[in-house]
Amino acid sequence: MPEFIVFMYNDAVDRSIANDGQAWGAYLANLKATGSFNGGSSIGRGSRYKKGSQQSPSELSIEGFIRIEATSATEAQVVLEGNPNYEAGGTVEIRELLQDE
């Protein structure tokens, strides 16, 4: 089954909702109950690097990710419902993890 990675950005309008530990616990428990959850984590601040250029801070940085299994990109969008960052008006990006050979 295809795997997807869901990135949460740090641009939520309502940070109290986006940072609500109980809401995240309930959301992740729901994902685990579906059997589609393959892990995830919060991500700290970072920097960007490019050869020949100076280091620069990440602008609209990613603050966490979730890995899921879904039959399609459309099905993967189901994870948006109840996602505290998404519900708080924050950006959530879904990308398919391609199997490189």
N, C-alpha and C. Protein backbone atom coordinates (compact mmCIF):
# COMPACT_ATOMS: atom_id res chain seq x y z
N MET A 1 0.85 -1.18 0.00
CA MET A 1 0.00 0.00 0.00
C MET A 1 0.90 1.24 0.00
N PRO A 2 0.54 2.25 -0.76
CA PRO A 2 1.36 3.48 -0.79
C PRO A 2 1.49 4.13 0.59
N GLU A 3 2.64 4.75 0.80
CA GLU A 3 2.89 5.49 2.03
C GLU A 3 2.93 6.97 1.72
N PHE A 4 2.48 7.75 2.67
CA PHE A 4 2.46 9.21 2.55
C PHE A 4 3.08 9.81 3.79
N ILE A 5 3.67 10.99 3.61
CA ILE A 5 4.18 11.75 4.75
C ILE A 5 3.38 13.04 4.82
N VAL A 6 2.95 13.36 6.01
CA VAL A 6 2.12 14.54 6.26
C VAL A 6 2.98 15.52 7.07
N PHE A 7 3.27 16.67 6.47
CA PHE A 7 4.08 17.69 7.14
C PHE A 7 3.18 18.74 7.77
N MET A 8 3.46 19.14 9.01
CA MET A 8 2.76 20.22 9.67
C MET A 8 3.71 21.40 9.79
N TYR A 9 3.28 22.55 9.30
CA TYR A 9 4.09 23.77 9.35
C TYR A 9 3.73 24.60 10.57
N ASN A 10 4.60 25.52 10.95
CA ASN A 10 4.41 26.31 12.17
C ASN A 10 3.67 27.62 11.92
N ASP A 11 2.66 27.59 11.06
CA ASP A 11 1.93 28.82 10.74
C ASP A 11 0.48 28.82 11.22
N ALA A 12 0.17 27.99 12.21
CA ALA A 12 -1.21 27.91 12.69
C ALA A 12 -1.68 29.26 13.23
N VAL A 13 -2.90 29.61 12.90
CA VAL A 13 -3.48 30.88 13.35
C VAL A 13 -3.72 30.84 14.86
N ASP A 14 -4.23 29.71 15.36
CA ASP A 14 -4.52 29.57 16.79
C ASP A 14 -3.54 28.57 17.39
N ARG A 15 -2.44 29.07 17.94
CA ARG A 15 -1.39 28.21 18.49
C ARG A 15 -1.87 27.37 19.67
N SER A 16 -2.88 27.84 20.40
CA SER A 16 -3.36 27.06 21.54
C SER A 16 -4.00 25.75 21.07
N ILE A 17 -4.68 25.77 19.94
CA ILE A 17 -5.25 24.55 19.38
C ILE A 17 -4.14 23.68 18.79
N ALA A 18 -3.23 24.29 18.04
CA ALA A 18 -2.16 23.55 17.38
C ALA A 18 -1.22 22.88 18.38
N ASN A 19 -1.09 23.42 19.58
CA ASN A 19 -0.18 22.88 20.59
C ASN A 19 -0.90 22.13 21.71
N ASP A 20 -2.17 21.83 21.54
CA ASP A 20 -2.95 21.15 22.56
C ASP A 20 -2.56 19.66 22.63
N GLY A 21 -1.86 19.29 23.68
CA GLY A 21 -1.39 17.91 23.84
C GLY A 21 -2.50 16.89 23.88
N GLN A 22 -3.63 17.22 24.51
CA GLN A 22 -4.76 16.29 24.56
C GLN A 22 -5.36 16.08 23.17
N ALA A 23 -5.45 17.16 22.40
CA ALA A 23 -5.99 17.05 21.04
C ALA A 23 -5.07 16.18 20.18
N TRP A 24 -3.76 16.37 20.32
CA TRP A 24 -2.81 15.54 19.58
C TRP A 24 -2.91 14.08 20.00
N GLY A 25 -3.05 13.83 21.29
CA GLY A 25 -3.18 12.46 21.79
C GLY A 25 -4.40 11.76 21.21
N ALA A 26 -5.53 12.47 21.19
CA ALA A 26 -6.76 11.90 20.64
C ALA A 26 -6.63 11.68 19.14
N TYR A 27 -6.04 12.64 18.46
CA TYR A 27 -5.86 12.54 17.00
C TYR A 27 -4.97 11.35 16.65
N LEU A 28 -3.84 11.21 17.33
CA LEU A 28 -2.92 10.11 17.05
C LEU A 28 -3.52 8.76 17.43
N ALA A 29 -4.28 8.70 18.52
CA ALA A 29 -4.95 7.46 18.90
C ALA A 29 -5.93 7.04 17.82
N ASN A 30 -6.64 8.01 17.25
CA ASN A 30 -7.59 7.71 16.18
C ASN A 30 -6.86 7.18 14.95
N LEU A 31 -5.73 7.81 14.58
CA LEU A 31 -4.95 7.33 13.44
C LEU A 31 -4.43 5.91 13.68
N LYS A 32 -3.95 5.65 14.89
CA LYS A 32 -3.43 4.32 15.21
C LYS A 32 -4.54 3.27 15.13
N ALA A 33 -5.74 3.64 15.55
CA ALA A 33 -6.87 2.71 15.51
C ALA A 33 -7.25 2.32 14.09
N THR A 34 -6.96 3.18 13.12
CA THR A 34 -7.28 2.86 11.72
C THR A 34 -6.27 1.88 11.12
N GLY A 35 -5.11 1.73 11.76
CA GLY A 35 -4.07 0.86 11.25
C GLY A 35 -3.22 1.49 10.16
N SER A 36 -3.45 2.75 9.85
CA SER A 36 -2.71 3.41 8.77
C SER A 36 -1.51 4.21 9.28
N PHE A 37 -1.37 4.37 10.59
CA PHE A 37 -0.32 5.20 11.18
C PHE A 37 1.01 4.45 11.16
N ASN A 38 2.05 5.06 10.62
CA ASN A 38 3.39 4.45 10.55
C ASN A 38 4.44 5.26 11.29
N GLY A 39 4.04 6.13 12.19
CA GLY A 39 4.99 6.89 12.98
C GLY A 39 4.98 8.37 12.66
N GLY A 40 5.78 9.11 13.39
CA GLY A 40 5.85 10.55 13.21
C GLY A 40 6.63 11.17 14.35
N SER A 41 6.81 12.46 14.28
CA SER A 41 7.58 13.14 15.31
C SER A 41 7.44 14.65 15.19
N SER A 42 7.70 15.33 16.28
CA SER A 42 7.88 16.78 16.23
C SER A 42 9.28 17.01 15.65
N ILE A 43 9.49 18.20 15.07
CA ILE A 43 10.78 18.55 14.50
C ILE A 43 11.19 19.91 15.05
N GLY A 44 12.43 20.02 15.49
CA GLY A 44 12.94 21.29 16.02
C GLY A 44 13.31 22.26 14.91
N ARG A 45 13.78 23.42 15.30
CA ARG A 45 14.20 24.45 14.35
C ARG A 45 15.35 23.95 13.50
N GLY A 46 15.52 24.55 12.35
CA GLY A 46 16.59 24.11 11.46
C GLY A 46 17.15 25.23 10.61
N SER A 47 18.09 24.88 9.80
CA SER A 47 18.72 25.81 8.87
C SER A 47 18.78 25.15 7.50
N ARG A 48 18.90 25.98 6.48
CA ARG A 48 19.02 25.50 5.12
C ARG A 48 20.46 25.72 4.66
N TYR A 49 20.95 24.79 3.87
CA TYR A 49 22.32 24.84 3.37
C TYR A 49 22.32 24.63 1.86
N LYS A 50 23.17 25.36 1.20
CA LYS A 50 23.35 25.21 -0.24
C LYS A 50 24.82 25.48 -0.51
N LYS A 51 25.44 24.57 -1.20
CA LYS A 51 26.87 24.71 -1.48
C LYS A 51 27.12 26.04 -2.16
N GLY A 52 28.12 26.78 -1.66
CA GLY A 52 28.47 28.07 -2.23
C GLY A 52 27.64 29.22 -1.69
N SER A 53 26.72 28.94 -0.79
CA SER A 53 25.87 29.98 -0.20
C SER A 53 25.99 29.92 1.31
N GLN A 54 25.59 31.01 1.96
CA GLN A 54 25.60 31.05 3.41
C GLN A 54 24.40 30.29 3.96
N GLN A 55 24.58 29.77 5.16
CA GLN A 55 23.49 29.12 5.88
C GLN A 55 22.37 30.11 6.08
N SER A 56 21.12 29.66 5.98
CA SER A 56 19.98 30.53 6.26
C SER A 56 18.96 29.78 7.09
N PRO A 57 18.24 30.49 7.95
CA PRO A 57 17.21 29.81 8.76
C PRO A 57 16.05 29.37 7.87
N SER A 58 15.41 28.28 8.28
CA SER A 58 14.21 27.85 7.58
C SER A 58 13.14 28.90 7.80
N GLU A 59 12.48 29.29 6.74
CA GLU A 59 11.46 30.34 6.83
C GLU A 59 10.17 29.78 7.42
N LEU A 60 9.33 29.19 6.58
CA LEU A 60 8.08 28.59 7.03
C LEU A 60 8.41 27.15 7.40
N SER A 61 8.94 26.97 8.59
CA SER A 61 9.52 25.67 8.91
C SER A 61 8.48 24.61 9.24
N ILE A 62 8.89 23.40 8.97
CA ILE A 62 8.08 22.23 9.32
C ILE A 62 8.33 21.94 10.78
N GLU A 63 7.25 21.72 11.54
CA GLU A 63 7.43 21.45 12.96
C GLU A 63 7.07 20.02 13.34
N GLY A 64 6.61 19.23 12.38
CA GLY A 64 6.31 17.84 12.68
C GLY A 64 5.89 17.09 11.43
N PHE A 65 5.87 15.76 11.56
CA PHE A 65 5.42 14.94 10.44
C PHE A 65 4.76 13.68 10.96
N ILE A 66 3.95 13.09 10.09
CA ILE A 66 3.29 11.82 10.36
C ILE A 66 3.44 10.98 9.10
N ARG A 67 3.73 9.70 9.26
CA ARG A 67 3.74 8.77 8.11
C ARG A 67 2.51 7.90 8.19
N ILE A 68 1.83 7.76 7.06
CA ILE A 68 0.62 6.96 7.01
C ILE A 68 0.62 6.08 5.76
N GLU A 69 -0.23 5.08 5.77
CA GLU A 69 -0.52 4.28 4.59
C GLU A 69 -1.92 4.63 4.13
N ALA A 70 -2.10 4.74 2.82
CA ALA A 70 -3.41 5.02 2.25
C ALA A 70 -3.41 4.47 0.82
N THR A 71 -4.57 4.13 0.32
CA THR A 71 -4.64 3.57 -1.03
C THR A 71 -4.42 4.62 -2.11
N SER A 72 -4.63 5.90 -1.77
CA SER A 72 -4.48 6.98 -2.76
C SER A 72 -4.24 8.30 -2.04
N ALA A 73 -3.83 9.30 -2.82
CA ALA A 73 -3.64 10.64 -2.25
C ALA A 73 -4.95 11.20 -1.73
N THR A 74 -6.03 10.87 -2.41
CA THR A 74 -7.36 11.33 -1.96
C THR A 74 -7.69 10.72 -0.60
N GLU A 75 -7.43 9.42 -0.45
CA GLU A 75 -7.69 8.77 0.83
C GLU A 75 -6.79 9.33 1.92
N ALA A 76 -5.57 9.70 1.56
CA ALA A 76 -4.63 10.26 2.55
C ALA A 76 -5.15 11.56 3.14
N GLN A 77 -5.98 12.28 2.40
CA GLN A 77 -6.52 13.56 2.89
C GLN A 77 -7.44 13.37 4.09
N VAL A 78 -7.87 12.15 4.35
CA VAL A 78 -8.72 11.86 5.51
C VAL A 78 -8.01 12.25 6.80
N VAL A 79 -6.66 12.21 6.80
CA VAL A 79 -5.91 12.54 8.01
C VAL A 79 -6.01 14.02 8.38
N LEU A 80 -6.49 14.84 7.48
CA LEU A 80 -6.63 16.26 7.80
C LEU A 80 -7.68 16.49 8.88
N GLU A 81 -8.75 15.73 8.82
CA GLU A 81 -9.84 15.91 9.80
C GLU A 81 -9.34 15.60 11.20
N GLY A 82 -9.45 16.56 12.08
CA GLY A 82 -9.04 16.41 13.46
C GLY A 82 -7.58 16.72 13.72
N ASN A 83 -6.79 16.94 12.67
CA ASN A 83 -5.38 17.29 12.87
C ASN A 83 -5.33 18.65 13.56
N PRO A 84 -4.80 18.74 14.79
CA PRO A 84 -4.83 20.00 15.52
C PRO A 84 -4.22 21.18 14.77
N ASN A 85 -3.15 20.95 14.05
CA ASN A 85 -2.52 22.04 13.29
C ASN A 85 -3.46 22.52 12.17
N TYR A 86 -4.03 21.58 11.46
CA TYR A 86 -4.96 21.91 10.37
C TYR A 86 -6.20 22.62 10.93
N GLU A 87 -6.75 22.09 12.02
CA GLU A 87 -7.95 22.67 12.63
C GLU A 87 -7.68 24.08 13.17
N ALA A 88 -6.40 24.37 13.48
CA ALA A 88 -6.02 25.69 13.99
C ALA A 88 -5.68 26.66 12.87
N GLY A 89 -5.93 26.27 11.62
CA GLY A 89 -5.66 27.15 10.49
C GLY A 89 -4.25 27.07 9.96
N GLY A 90 -3.51 26.03 10.36
CA GLY A 90 -2.13 25.87 9.91
C GLY A 90 -2.04 25.07 8.62
N THR A 91 -0.89 25.17 7.99
CA THR A 91 -0.63 24.45 6.75
C THR A 91 -0.24 23.01 7.03
N VAL A 92 -0.86 22.10 6.29
CA VAL A 92 -0.53 20.69 6.34
C VAL A 92 -0.30 20.24 4.90
N GLU A 93 0.83 19.60 4.66
CA GLU A 93 1.20 19.16 3.31
C GLU A 93 1.28 17.64 3.29
N ILE A 94 0.68 17.02 2.28
CA ILE A 94 0.71 15.57 2.13
C ILE A 94 1.51 15.23 0.88
N ARG A 95 2.51 14.36 1.05
CA ARG A 95 3.35 13.92 -0.08
C ARG A 95 3.43 12.42 -0.10
N GLU A 96 3.39 11.84 -1.28
CA GLU A 96 3.57 10.39 -1.40
C GLU A 96 5.05 10.07 -1.27
N LEU A 97 5.34 9.00 -0.53
CA LEU A 97 6.71 8.50 -0.42
C LEU A 97 6.90 7.48 -1.54
N LEU A 98 7.67 7.83 -2.53
CA LEU A 98 7.87 6.96 -3.68
C LEU A 98 8.90 5.88 -3.38
N GLN A 99 8.71 4.74 -3.94
CA GLN A 99 9.65 3.63 -3.77
C GLN A 99 10.75 3.75 -4.81
N ASP A 100 11.89 4.28 -4.42
CA ASP A 100 13.04 4.39 -5.32
C ASP A 100 13.69 3.03 -5.47
N GLU A 101 14.10 2.73 -6.65
CA GLU A 101 14.75 1.43 -6.87
C GLU A 101 16.22 1.60 -7.06
